[in-house]
Amino acid sequence: MTKNFRGLYAITPDTADTDGLLAKTRAILEGGAAIVQYRNKSRDAALRRTQAEGLLALCREAGALLLINDDVELAREIGADGVHVGRDDAGIADARRILGADAIVGVSCYDQITLAETAVAAGASYVAFGAVFASSVKPEAIRAPLTLFHEAKRLKVPSVAIGGIGPANARQVVDAGADAISLISALYDAADPEAVARELSALYR
């Protein structure tokens, strides 16, 4: 399923405004986003289920992938395409056991190629490095050098860049070899999310 895992990767903000979340995500998908990750760590289970199901419907309509951050059971319940886990999240093996061999399992590898090697050996579908630039969402995040994306080519799985990416610097990351660029605020806080998504998606054409 990661054969076409490439392009703009939208990560949702933590919000209780379901209608606003879905409207902005629809616009971002219309702008060409290929992947959406639902990330909401503070809301109750019922709201998270409602939001995730709404996002899945939008992604299916657009032909995009939906991944769930750190909640393997929610991904299984709604039939999402997979999950994204971090160093402290549920393990790759658990995700594979619950979601099956065909699910996408992405792993945060921060600034370390060794973590990526371990993740791929354990069955990760893709690896994510970041923050590649200073990030307003995680200002304390470890900075990851752009050279990692060239180095990661030998792992034979897609690599994703995250952290501080926007229209002004996205080309640097694409040129460095990242298979996908992931953004939160540069998309969801934009005055015209569809236009920003269109501009960033075009970098992969």
C-alpha atoms as a PDB file:
ATOM      1  CA  MET A   1       0.000   0.000   0.000  1.00  0.00           C
ATOM      2  CA  THR A   2       2.985   2.349   0.391  1.00  0.00           C
ATOM      3  CA  LYS A   3       3.848   2.043  -3.319  1.00  0.00           C
ATOM      4  CA  ASN A   4       2.128   5.400  -3.955  1.00  0.00           C
ATOM      5  CA  PHE A   5       2.948   6.847  -0.547  1.00  0.00           C
ATOM      6  CA  ARG A   6       4.146  10.202  -1.785  1.00  0.00           C
ATOM      7  CA  GLY A   7       3.194  13.847  -1.651  1.00  0.00           C
ATOM      8  CA  LEU A   8       1.412  16.118   0.788  1.00  0.00           C
ATOM      9  CA  TYR A   9       0.664  14.556   4.182  1.00  0.00           C
ATOM     10  CA  ALA A  10      -1.795  16.552   6.303  1.00  0.00           C
ATOM     11  CA  ILE A  11      -1.895  16.085  10.077  1.00  0.00           C
ATOM     12  CA  THR A  12      -5.022  17.300  11.817  1.00  0.00           C
ATOM     13  CA  PRO A  13      -4.953  19.760  14.727  1.00  0.00           C
ATOM     14  CA  ASP A  14      -6.448  18.809  18.090  1.00  0.00           C
ATOM     15  CA  THR A  15      -9.912  20.384  18.004  1.00  0.00           C
ATOM     16  CA  ALA A  16     -13.449  19.782  19.232  1.00  0.00           C
ATOM     17  CA  ASP A  17     -14.861  21.617  16.189  1.00  0.00           C
ATOM     18  CA  THR A  18     -15.753  18.650  14.016  1.00  0.00           C
ATOM     19  CA  ASP A  19     -17.504  20.662  11.307  1.00  0.00           C
ATOM     20  CA  GLY A  20     -14.534  23.030  10.972  1.00  0.00           C
ATOM     21  CA  LEU A  21     -12.071  20.129  10.946  1.00  0.00           C
ATOM     22  CA  LEU A  22     -13.945  18.331   8.184  1.00  0.00           C
ATOM     23  CA  ALA A  23     -14.454  21.479   6.099  1.00  0.00           C
ATOM     24  CA  LYS A  24     -10.749  22.340   6.194  1.00  0.00           C
ATOM     25  CA  THR A  25      -9.727  18.753   5.512  1.00  0.00           C
ATOM     26  CA  ARG A  26     -12.056  18.598   2.518  1.00  0.00           C
ATOM     27  CA  ALA A  27     -10.391  21.733   1.140  1.00  0.00           C
ATOM     28  CA  ILE A  28      -6.907  20.313   1.778  1.00  0.00           C
ATOM     29  CA  LEU A  29      -7.851  17.082  -0.012  1.00  0.00           C
ATOM     30  CA  GLU A  30      -9.269  19.060  -2.922  1.00  0.00           C
ATOM     31  CA  GLY A  31      -5.902  20.811  -3.042  1.00  0.00           C
ATOM     32  CA  GLY A  32      -4.211  17.453  -3.568  1.00  0.00           C
ATOM     33  CA  ALA A  33      -3.218  16.007  -0.193  1.00  0.00           C
ATOM     34  CA  ALA A  34      -2.433  12.306  -0.577  1.00  0.00           C
ATOM     35  CA  ILE A  35      -2.403  11.300   3.091  1.00  0.00           C
ATOM     36  CA  VAL A  36      -4.248  12.505   6.204  1.00  0.00           C
ATOM     37  CA  GLN A  37      -3.256  11.602   9.752  1.00  0.00           C
ATOM     38  CA  TYR A  38      -5.912  12.038  12.421  1.00  0.00           C
ATOM     39  CA  ARG A  39      -4.166  13.249  15.561  1.00  0.00           C
ATOM     40  CA  ASN A  40      -6.261  14.113  18.603  1.00  0.00           C
ATOM     41  CA  LYS A  41      -4.866  13.193  22.001  1.00  0.00           C
ATOM     42  CA  SER A  42      -7.117  15.167  24.351  1.00  0.00           C
ATOM     43  CA  ARG A  43     -10.735  14.582  23.334  1.00  0.00           C
ATOM     44  CA  ASP A  44     -13.118  11.857  24.475  1.00  0.00           C
ATOM     45  CA  ALA A  45     -13.468   8.573  22.634  1.00  0.00           C
ATOM     46  CA  ALA A  46     -16.912   9.328  21.173  1.00  0.00           C
ATOM     47  CA  LEU A  47     -15.787  12.600  19.582  1.00  0.00           C
ATOM     48  CA  ARG A  48     -12.601  11.037  18.275  1.00  0.00           C
ATOM     49  CA  ARG A  49     -14.606   8.213  16.672  1.00  0.00           C
ATOM     50  CA  THR A  50     -16.997  10.706  15.047  1.00  0.00           C
ATOM     51  CA  GLN A  51     -14.161  12.834  13.706  1.00  0.00           C
ATOM     52  CA  ALA A  52     -12.182   9.832  12.459  1.00  0.00           C
ATOM     53  CA  GLU A  53     -15.198   8.400  10.622  1.00  0.00           C
ATOM     54  CA  GLY A  54     -15.864  11.766   9.007  1.00  0.00           C
ATOM     55  CA  LEU A  55     -12.268  12.043   7.874  1.00  0.00           C
ATOM     56  CA  LEU A  56     -12.301   8.498   6.521  1.00  0.00           C
ATOM     57  CA  ALA A  57     -15.332   9.296   4.362  1.00  0.00           C
ATOM     58  CA  LEU A  58     -13.573  12.370   2.960  1.00  0.00           C
ATOM     59  CA  CYS A  59     -10.369  10.420   2.271  1.00  0.00           C
ATOM     60  CA  ARG A  60     -12.243   7.606   0.531  1.00  0.00           C
ATOM     61  CA  GLU A  61     -14.034  10.158  -1.661  1.00  0.00           C
ATOM     62  CA  ALA A  62     -10.715  11.810  -2.555  1.00  0.00           C
ATOM     63  CA  GLY A  63      -8.718   8.610  -3.026  1.00  0.00           C
ATOM     64  CA  ALA A  64      -6.408   9.554  -0.149  1.00  0.00           C
ATOM     65  CA  LEU A  65      -5.076   7.491   2.755  1.00  0.00           C
ATOM     66  CA  LEU A  66      -6.231   7.950   6.364  1.00  0.00           C
ATOM     67  CA  LEU A  67      -3.894   7.059   9.212  1.00  0.00           C
ATOM     68  CA  ILE A  68      -4.681   7.311  12.925  1.00  0.00           C
ATOM     69  CA  ASN A  69      -2.102   8.631  15.354  1.00  0.00           C
ATOM     70  CA  ASP A  70      -1.293   6.254  18.182  1.00  0.00           C
ATOM     71  CA  ASP A  71      -4.711   4.548  18.434  1.00  0.00           C
ATOM     72  CA  VAL A  72      -4.580   1.115  16.841  1.00  0.00           C
ATOM     73  CA  GLU A  73      -8.031   0.133  18.119  1.00  0.00           C
ATOM     74  CA  LEU A  74      -9.684   3.208  16.594  1.00  0.00           C
ATOM     75  CA  ALA A  75      -7.935   2.470  13.284  1.00  0.00           C
ATOM     76  CA  ARG A  76      -9.240  -1.107  13.401  1.00  0.00           C
ATOM     77  CA  GLU A  77     -12.787  -0.087  14.366  1.00  0.00           C
ATOM     78  CA  ILE A  78     -13.298   2.380  11.523  1.00  0.00           C
ATOM     79  CA  GLY A  79     -11.235   0.561   8.880  1.00  0.00           C
ATOM     80  CA  ALA A  80      -8.541   3.215   8.462  1.00  0.00           C
ATOM     81  CA  ASP A  81      -5.543   2.508   6.239  1.00  0.00           C
ATOM     82  CA  GLY A  82      -3.173   2.298   9.191  1.00  0.00           C
ATOM     83  CA  VAL A  83      -1.538   4.063  12.113  1.00  0.00           C
ATOM     84  CA  HIS A  84       1.381   6.267  12.990  1.00  0.00           C
ATOM     85  CA  VAL A  85       3.240   5.411  16.188  1.00  0.00           C
ATOM     86  CA  GLY A  86       6.048   7.104  18.073  1.00  0.00           C
ATOM     87  CA  ARG A  87       8.884   5.935  20.249  1.00  0.00           C
ATOM     88  CA  ASP A  88       6.575   5.667  23.291  1.00  0.00           C
ATOM     89  CA  ASP A  89       3.461   4.523  21.497  1.00  0.00           C
ATOM     90  CA  ALA A  90       2.102   1.044  20.850  1.00  0.00           C
ATOM     91  CA  GLY A  91       4.701  -1.098  19.149  1.00  0.00           C
ATOM     92  CA  ILE A  92       4.901  -1.956  15.485  1.00  0.00           C
ATOM     93  CA  ALA A  93       4.340  -5.633  16.223  1.00  0.00           C
ATOM     94  CA  ASP A  94       1.124  -4.884  18.150  1.00  0.00           C
ATOM     95  CA  ALA A  95      -0.139  -2.685  15.314  1.00  0.00           C
ATOM     96  CA  ARG A  96       0.608  -5.416  12.786  1.00  0.00           C
ATOM     97  CA  ARG A  97      -1.075  -8.061  14.941  1.00  0.00           C
ATOM     98  CA  ILE A  98      -4.252  -5.992  15.293  1.00  0.00           C
ATOM     99  CA  LEU A  99      -4.443  -4.382  11.845  1.00  0.00           C
ATOM    100  CA  GLY A 100      -2.900  -7.084   9.671  1.00  0.00           C
ATOM    101  CA  ALA A 101      -0.058  -7.350   7.207  1.00  0.00           C
ATOM    102  CA  ASP A 102      -1.540  -4.919   4.675  1.00  0.00           C
ATOM    103  CA  ALA A 103      -1.987  -1.994   7.061  1.00  0.00           C
ATOM    104  CA  ILE A 104       0.304   1.021   6.903  1.00  0.00           C
ATOM    105  CA  VAL A 105       2.367   1.432  10.064  1.00  0.00           C
ATOM    106  CA  GLY A 106       4.438   4.595  10.220  1.00  0.00           C
ATOM    107  CA  VAL A 107       7.013   5.291  12.884  1.00  0.00           C
ATOM    108  CA  SER A 108       8.551   8.498  14.243  1.00  0.00           C
ATOM    109  CA  CYS A 109      12.344   8.251  14.081  1.00  0.00           C
ATOM    110  CA  TYR A 110      13.159  11.819  15.126  1.00  0.00           C
ATOM    111  CA  ASP A 111      16.770  12.543  14.070  1.00  0.00           C
ATOM    112  CA  GLN A 112      18.132   8.988  14.098  1.00  0.00           C
ATOM    113  CA  ILE A 113      18.742   6.695  11.139  1.00  0.00           C
ATOM    114  CA  THR A 114      19.349   3.848  13.629  1.00  0.00           C
ATOM    115  CA  LEU A 115      15.769   4.148  14.900  1.00  0.00           C
ATOM    116  CA  ALA A 116      14.600   3.996  11.293  1.00  0.00           C
ATOM    117  CA  GLU A 117      16.657   0.862  10.637  1.00  0.00           C
ATOM    118  CA  THR A 118      15.161  -0.798  13.731  1.00  0.00           C
ATOM    119  CA  ALA A 119      11.642   0.255  12.755  1.00  0.00           C
ATOM    120  CA  VAL A 120      11.954  -1.111   9.226  1.00  0.00           C
ATOM    121  CA  ALA A 121      13.362  -4.379  10.534  1.00  0.00           C
ATOM    122  CA  ALA A 122      10.320  -4.617  12.830  1.00  0.00           C
ATOM    123  CA  GLY A 123       7.936  -4.096   9.916  1.00  0.00           C
ATOM    124  CA  ALA A 124       7.415  -0.342   9.588  1.00  0.00           C
ATOM    125  CA  SER A 125       5.823   0.781   6.317  1.00  0.00           C
ATOM    126  CA  TYR A 126       7.423   4.226   6.409  1.00  0.00           C
ATOM    127  CA  VAL A 127       9.697   6.265   8.656  1.00  0.00           C
ATOM    128  CA  ALA A 128       9.286   9.902   9.691  1.00  0.00           C
ATOM    129  CA  PHE A 129      12.072  12.320  10.598  1.00  0.00           C
ATOM    130  CA  GLY A 130      11.735  15.691  12.264  1.00  0.00           C
ATOM    131  CA  ALA A 131      11.512  18.356  13.245  1.00  0.00           C
ATOM    132  CA  VAL A 132      13.311  19.415  10.064  1.00  0.00           C
ATOM    133  CA  PHE A 133      12.698  23.094  10.897  1.00  0.00           C
ATOM    134  CA  ALA A 134      11.674  24.928  14.059  1.00  0.00           C
ATOM    135  CA  SER A 135       8.074  23.958  14.807  1.00  0.00           C
ATOM    136  CA  SER A 136       5.403  26.063  16.501  1.00  0.00           C
ATOM    137  CA  VAL A 137       3.472  22.881  17.381  1.00  0.00           C
ATOM    138  CA  LYS A 138       6.459  21.261  19.134  1.00  0.00           C
ATOM    139  CA  PRO A 139       9.000  24.033  19.820  1.00  0.00           C
ATOM    140  CA  GLU A 140      11.104  21.688  21.964  1.00  0.00           C
ATOM    141  CA  ALA A 141      11.332  19.010  19.265  1.00  0.00           C
ATOM    142  CA  ILE A 142      14.691  17.552  18.252  1.00  0.00           C
ATOM    143  CA  ARG A 143      15.937  18.962  14.941  1.00  0.00           C
ATOM    144  CA  ALA A 144      16.591  16.450  12.166  1.00  0.00           C
ATOM    145  CA  PRO A 145      19.079  17.191   9.354  1.00  0.00           C
ATOM    146  CA  LEU A 146      17.807  17.051   5.781  1.00  0.00           C
ATOM    147  CA  THR A 147      20.645  14.654   4.914  1.00  0.00           C
ATOM    148  CA  LEU A 148      18.635  11.901   6.630  1.00  0.00           C
ATOM    149  CA  PHE A 149      16.280  11.650   3.649  1.00  0.00           C
ATOM    150  CA  HIS A 150      19.039  10.737   1.231  1.00  0.00           C
ATOM    151  CA  GLU A 151      20.497   8.335   3.794  1.00  0.00           C
ATOM    152  CA  ALA A 152      17.097   6.683   4.316  1.00  0.00           C
ATOM    153  CA  LYS A 153      16.771   5.707   0.629  1.00  0.00           C
ATOM    154  CA  ARG A 154      18.683   2.509   1.366  1.00  0.00           C
ATOM    155  CA  LEU A 155      15.909   1.396   3.751  1.00  0.00           C
ATOM    156  CA  LYS A 156      13.559   0.878   0.776  1.00  0.00           C
ATOM    157  CA  VAL A 157      10.519   2.368   2.529  1.00  0.00           C
ATOM    158  CA  PRO A 158       9.122   5.905   2.116  1.00  0.00           C
ATOM    159  CA  SER A 159      10.454   8.678   4.339  1.00  0.00           C
ATOM    160  CA  VAL A 160       8.303  11.495   5.691  1.00  0.00           C
ATOM    161  CA  ALA A 161       9.460  14.925   6.855  1.00  0.00           C
ATOM    162  CA  ILE A 162       7.726  16.792   9.672  1.00  0.00           C
ATOM    163  CA  GLY A 163       8.230  19.964  11.641  1.00  0.00           C
ATOM    164  CA  GLY A 164       8.052  23.611  10.673  1.00  0.00           C
ATOM    165  CA  ILE A 165       7.397  22.921   6.984  1.00  0.00           C
ATOM    166  CA  GLY A 166       5.504  25.511   4.940  1.00  0.00           C
ATOM    167  CA  PRO A 167       5.388  27.037   1.472  1.00  0.00           C
ATOM    168  CA  ALA A 168       8.611  28.991   2.053  1.00  0.00           C
ATOM    169  CA  ASN A 169      10.812  25.962   2.804  1.00  0.00           C
ATOM    170  CA  ALA A 170       8.998  22.880   1.507  1.00  0.00           C
ATOM    171  CA  ARG A 171      11.006  22.663  -1.716  1.00  0.00           C
ATOM    172  CA  GLN A 172      14.227  22.178   0.288  1.00  0.00           C
ATOM    173  CA  VAL A 173      12.713  19.099   1.914  1.00  0.00           C
ATOM    174  CA  VAL A 174      11.359  17.637  -1.326  1.00  0.00           C
ATOM    175  CA  ASP A 175      14.721  18.222  -3.022  1.00  0.00           C
ATOM    176  CA  ALA A 176      16.462  16.493  -0.086  1.00  0.00           C
ATOM    177  CA  GLY A 177      14.552  13.310  -0.936  1.00  0.00           C
ATOM    178  CA  ALA A 178      11.557  13.184   1.419  1.00  0.00           C
ATOM    179  CA  ASP A 179       8.785  11.075  -0.114  1.00  0.00           C
ATOM    180  CA  ALA A 180       6.154  13.074   1.751  1.00  0.00           C
ATOM    181  CA  ILE A 181       5.989  16.347   3.663  1.00  0.00           C
ATOM    182  CA  SER A 182       3.700  16.550   6.668  1.00  0.00           C
ATOM    183  CA  LEU A 183       2.146  19.770   7.935  1.00  0.00           C
ATOM    184  CA  ILE A 184      -0.355  20.841  10.562  1.00  0.00           C
ATOM    185  CA  SER A 185      -0.529  24.588  11.155  1.00  0.00           C
ATOM    186  CA  ALA A 186       0.712  25.690   7.706  1.00  0.00           C
ATOM    187  CA  LEU A 187      -2.371  23.951   6.290  1.00  0.00           C
ATOM    188  CA  TYR A 188      -5.070  24.175   8.937  1.00  0.00           C
ATOM    189  CA  ASP A 189      -4.294  27.747  10.022  1.00  0.00           C
ATOM    190  CA  ALA A 190      -4.031  29.027   6.448  1.00  0.00           C
ATOM    191  CA  ALA A 191      -6.542  31.571   5.166  1.00  0.00           C
ATOM    192  CA  ASP A 192      -6.987  29.357   2.089  1.00  0.00           C
ATOM    193  CA  PRO A 193      -6.063  25.748   2.980  1.00  0.00           C
ATOM    194  CA  GLU A 194      -6.914  24.471  -0.508  1.00  0.00           C
ATOM    195  CA  ALA A 195      -4.545  26.949  -2.198  1.00  0.00           C
ATOM    196  CA  VAL A 196      -1.680  26.074   0.158  1.00  0.00           C
ATOM    197  CA  ALA A 197      -2.323  22.355  -0.357  1.00  0.00           C
ATOM    198  CA  ARG A 198      -2.348  22.839  -4.119  1.00  0.00           C
ATOM    199  CA  GLU A 199       0.966  24.728  -4.034  1.00  0.00           C
ATOM    200  CA  LEU A 200       2.658  22.093  -1.869  1.00  0.00           C
ATOM    201  CA  SER A 201       1.205  19.099  -3.722  1.00  0.00           C
ATOM    202  CA  ALA A 202       2.564  20.530  -6.981  1.00  0.00           C
ATOM    203  CA  LEU A 203       6.120  20.047  -5.663  1.00  0.00           C
ATOM    204  CA  TYR A 204       5.637  16.308  -6.207  1.00  0.00           C
ATOM    205  CA  ARG A 205       4.385  16.525  -9.784  1.00  0.00           C
END
